[in-house]
Amino acid sequence: MKVGGYIENYHDLSLGNRRFVAEGYYWMEWPQALQDKIEQEQIEPIELLEITNQVNESDSTFRSVTDKPTKLPNGNYYYNIRFSGHFYIPDLTLRRSPFESLQLPIIIESHDDSLALESLGVVLTKDNAKDALVGFYAEIDGYKLASVGMQPMVHTYGTSWGPEKGDLHYSAMEIVAVLKTSPVASLVI
């Protein structure tokens, strides 16, 4: 399954709470074989993927841009989701403060157990080969956007969740923005 993303903006960065707020879009494209499985398992398209470093569901919104998946001329299906929410920063090192760089990730992962690598074997691949990943307002005051990229990963929870399915592995895609402290903001008190 191809996955793409676009972050419109970042704001409300809280280093003490290790979290930030972001708004944007993520989309997916999949072949007919996966569409058949989706229909067979009665999986709603909005539930195919989830953002796993989301902090609080009640403070977040996820809505589909289209009512249902769109069939593309190549025979694949396309679905786009707009999101807004609070997200956790899993790795935060402030040893070089105030000259540190921050990594703000949005971690998008296959959600349903039937999509796990041991089940159907859905692997997420990058769709943003040449597109921008962030918008004009993606910087936070006091920081400059140094880089942004997408990288695949595999998430293992280390539990079978009770139904004894074994330790499932889920394909994931991480959109990571690296922000560096602005030299002017670091020196001005």
Protein backbone atom coordinates (compact mmCIF):
# COMPACT_ATOMS: atom_id res chain seq x y z
CA MET A 1 0.00 0.00 0.00
CA LYS A 2 1.41 3.38 -0.97
CA VAL A 3 1.16 6.07 1.72
CA GLY A 4 1.75 9.78 1.32
CA GLY A 5 1.54 12.69 3.69
CA TYR A 6 1.51 16.47 3.82
CA ILE A 7 1.83 18.44 7.05
CA GLU A 8 0.26 21.90 6.74
CA ASN A 9 1.62 23.21 10.00
CA TYR A 10 3.11 22.45 13.38
CA HIS A 11 2.38 24.49 16.50
CA ASP A 12 1.92 24.38 20.29
CA LEU A 13 5.25 22.65 20.84
CA SER A 14 5.69 21.64 24.49
CA LEU A 15 9.12 20.21 25.25
CA GLY A 16 8.14 19.64 28.89
CA ASN A 17 5.20 17.47 27.84
CA ARG A 18 7.06 16.02 24.83
CA ARG A 19 4.28 16.83 22.41
CA PHE A 20 3.17 19.08 19.58
CA VAL A 21 0.10 19.81 17.47
CA ALA A 22 -0.01 19.22 13.73
CA GLU A 23 -2.55 19.44 10.93
CA GLY A 24 -2.35 17.92 7.52
CA TYR A 25 -3.33 15.06 5.26
CA TYR A 26 -2.33 11.48 4.65
CA TRP A 27 -3.48 9.31 1.82
CA MET A 28 -3.19 5.75 0.66
CA GLU A 29 -3.37 3.83 -2.58
CA TRP A 30 -3.93 0.08 -2.80
CA PRO A 31 -4.53 -2.63 -5.44
CA GLN A 32 -7.70 -4.60 -6.17
CA ALA A 33 -6.47 -7.63 -4.15
CA LEU A 34 -6.41 -5.49 -0.99
CA GLN A 35 -9.77 -3.93 -1.89
CA ASP A 36 -11.25 -7.43 -2.04
CA LYS A 37 -9.88 -8.14 1.47
CA ILE A 38 -11.24 -4.81 2.76
CA GLU A 39 -14.69 -5.68 1.46
CA GLN A 40 -14.49 -9.26 2.78
CA GLU A 41 -13.40 -8.12 6.27
CA GLN A 42 -15.77 -5.10 6.15
CA ILE A 43 -12.99 -2.68 7.07
CA GLU A 44 -13.86 1.00 6.80
CA PRO A 45 -11.20 2.79 4.72
CA ILE A 46 -10.61 5.38 7.46
CA GLU A 47 -9.65 2.48 9.77
CA LEU A 48 -6.96 1.02 7.48
CA LEU A 49 -4.27 3.24 8.98
CA GLU A 50 -3.85 5.02 12.29
CA ILE A 51 -1.41 7.58 13.66
CA THR A 52 0.20 5.75 16.56
CA ASN A 53 1.89 8.66 18.35
CA GLN A 54 -1.42 10.50 18.76
CA VAL A 55 -1.79 11.70 22.36
CA ASN A 56 -5.51 12.13 22.94
CA GLU A 57 -8.29 11.00 20.63
CA SER A 58 -10.75 13.54 22.08
CA ASP A 59 -8.46 16.41 21.02
CA SER A 60 -7.97 15.05 17.50
CA THR A 61 -10.04 14.97 14.36
CA PHE A 62 -9.78 12.63 11.39
CA ARG A 63 -12.15 12.98 8.46
CA SER A 64 -12.14 11.55 4.99
CA VAL A 65 -11.75 14.00 2.15
CA THR A 66 -13.94 11.82 -0.09
CA ASP A 67 -16.96 9.73 0.94
CA LYS A 68 -15.47 6.48 -0.31
CA PRO A 69 -12.29 5.27 -2.00
CA THR A 70 -11.80 6.51 -5.56
CA LYS A 71 -10.91 3.99 -8.26
CA LEU A 72 -7.94 5.30 -10.23
CA PRO A 73 -7.31 4.75 -13.97
CA ASN A 74 -4.56 2.22 -13.08
CA GLY A 75 -7.16 0.08 -11.24
CA ASN A 76 -5.91 0.96 -7.74
CA TYR A 77 -7.99 2.63 -5.05
CA TYR A 78 -7.21 6.01 -3.45
CA TYR A 79 -8.37 7.44 -0.12
CA ASN A 80 -7.40 10.75 1.54
CA ILE A 81 -7.78 11.73 5.22
CA ARG A 82 -7.45 15.16 6.84
CA PHE A 83 -6.18 15.17 10.43
CA SER A 84 -5.55 17.55 13.30
CA GLY A 85 -4.25 16.50 16.69
CA HIS A 86 -1.73 16.36 19.51
CA PHE A 87 1.24 14.06 18.96
CA TYR A 88 3.90 12.60 21.23
CA ILE A 89 7.66 13.05 20.65
CA PRO A 90 9.11 9.60 21.42
CA ASP A 91 12.78 10.62 21.29
CA LEU A 92 13.71 13.97 22.84
CA THR A 93 17.28 14.88 23.76
CA LEU A 94 18.01 18.35 25.09
CA ARG A 95 21.70 17.91 25.98
CA ARG A 96 22.75 20.56 23.48
CA SER A 97 20.11 23.09 24.55
CA PRO A 98 19.55 25.73 23.27
CA PHE A 99 21.25 24.47 20.09
CA GLU A 100 19.42 21.15 19.83
CA SER A 101 17.55 19.77 16.88
CA LEU A 102 14.08 18.34 17.36
CA GLN A 103 12.54 15.45 15.48
CA LEU A 104 8.77 15.76 15.20
CA PRO A 105 7.34 12.47 13.87
CA ILE A 106 3.93 11.56 12.56
CA ILE A 107 3.85 7.73 12.65
CA ILE A 108 1.25 6.18 10.32
CA GLU A 109 0.69 2.45 10.80
CA SER A 110 -1.51 -0.30 9.37
CA HIS A 111 -4.30 -0.76 11.88
CA ASP A 112 -6.36 -3.88 11.43
CA ASP A 113 -4.90 -7.26 12.52
CA SER A 114 -5.84 -8.71 9.15
CA LEU A 115 -3.34 -6.24 7.60
CA ALA A 116 -0.45 -7.30 9.87
CA LEU A 117 2.66 -8.67 8.21
CA GLU A 118 1.83 -12.19 9.48
CA SER A 119 -1.70 -12.00 8.07
CA LEU A 120 -2.19 -10.36 4.68
CA GLY A 121 1.32 -8.91 4.74
CA VAL A 122 0.46 -5.30 3.87
CA VAL A 123 3.66 -3.29 3.54
CA LEU A 124 3.50 0.51 3.48
CA THR A 125 5.65 2.22 0.87
CA LYS A 126 6.35 5.90 0.26
CA ASP A 127 4.13 7.74 -2.24
CA ASN A 128 5.75 11.18 -1.87
CA ALA A 129 8.69 10.51 -4.20
CA LYS A 130 8.88 14.09 -5.45
CA ASP A 131 6.11 15.96 -3.63
CA ALA A 132 6.58 18.41 -0.77
CA LEU A 133 5.89 16.88 2.65
CA VAL A 134 5.29 20.12 4.54
CA GLY A 135 3.53 23.40 3.95
CA PHE A 136 4.59 27.01 4.22
CA TYR A 137 3.49 27.28 7.88
CA ALA A 138 5.31 24.16 9.06
CA GLU A 139 7.87 26.05 11.15
CA ILE A 140 7.59 26.81 14.85
CA ASP A 141 8.77 30.15 16.28
CA GLY A 142 12.39 29.89 17.36
CA TYR A 143 13.12 26.93 15.05
CA LYS A 144 13.98 26.51 11.39
CA LEU A 145 12.91 23.49 9.37
CA ALA A 146 16.16 21.65 8.54
CA SER A 147 14.73 18.63 6.74
CA VAL A 148 11.69 16.44 6.35
CA GLY A 149 11.47 12.89 5.15
CA MET A 150 9.46 9.69 5.10
CA GLN A 151 10.87 6.39 6.18
CA PRO A 152 9.35 2.92 6.49
CA MET A 153 9.42 1.03 9.76
CA VAL A 154 7.89 -2.03 11.41
CA HIS A 155 6.06 -1.75 14.74
CA THR A 156 5.96 -4.71 17.10
CA TYR A 157 3.91 -4.37 20.27
CA GLY A 158 5.21 -7.50 22.02
CA THR A 159 1.71 -8.75 22.87
CA SER A 160 -0.96 -10.88 21.24
CA TRP A 161 -3.68 -8.61 22.70
CA GLY A 162 -5.27 -11.63 24.36
CA PRO A 163 -6.74 -13.57 21.42
CA GLU A 164 -3.50 -15.56 21.04
CA LYS A 165 -2.79 -14.46 17.49
CA GLY A 166 0.89 -14.31 18.30
CA ASP A 167 3.16 -11.30 18.29
CA LEU A 168 1.97 -9.41 15.22
CA HIS A 169 4.12 -6.94 13.29
CA TYR A 170 2.59 -3.90 11.59
CA SER A 171 4.04 -1.95 8.69
CA ALA A 172 4.39 1.78 9.37
CA MET A 173 5.56 4.95 7.69
CA GLU A 174 7.11 7.81 9.65
CA ILE A 175 7.05 11.41 8.44
CA VAL A 176 9.81 13.17 10.39
CA ALA A 177 10.47 16.89 10.40
CA VAL A 178 13.82 17.96 11.85
CA LEU A 179 13.77 21.44 13.35
CA LYS A 180 16.92 23.27 14.42
CA THR A 181 17.04 26.12 16.88
CA SER A 182 17.20 29.48 15.17
CA PRO A 183 20.54 31.13 16.09
CA VAL A 184 18.86 34.48 16.67
CA ALA A 185 16.25 33.00 19.00
CA SER A 186 18.98 31.16 20.92
CA LEU A 187 20.96 34.32 21.63
CA VAL A 188 18.14 36.81 22.26
CA ILE A 189 16.89 36.81 25.84
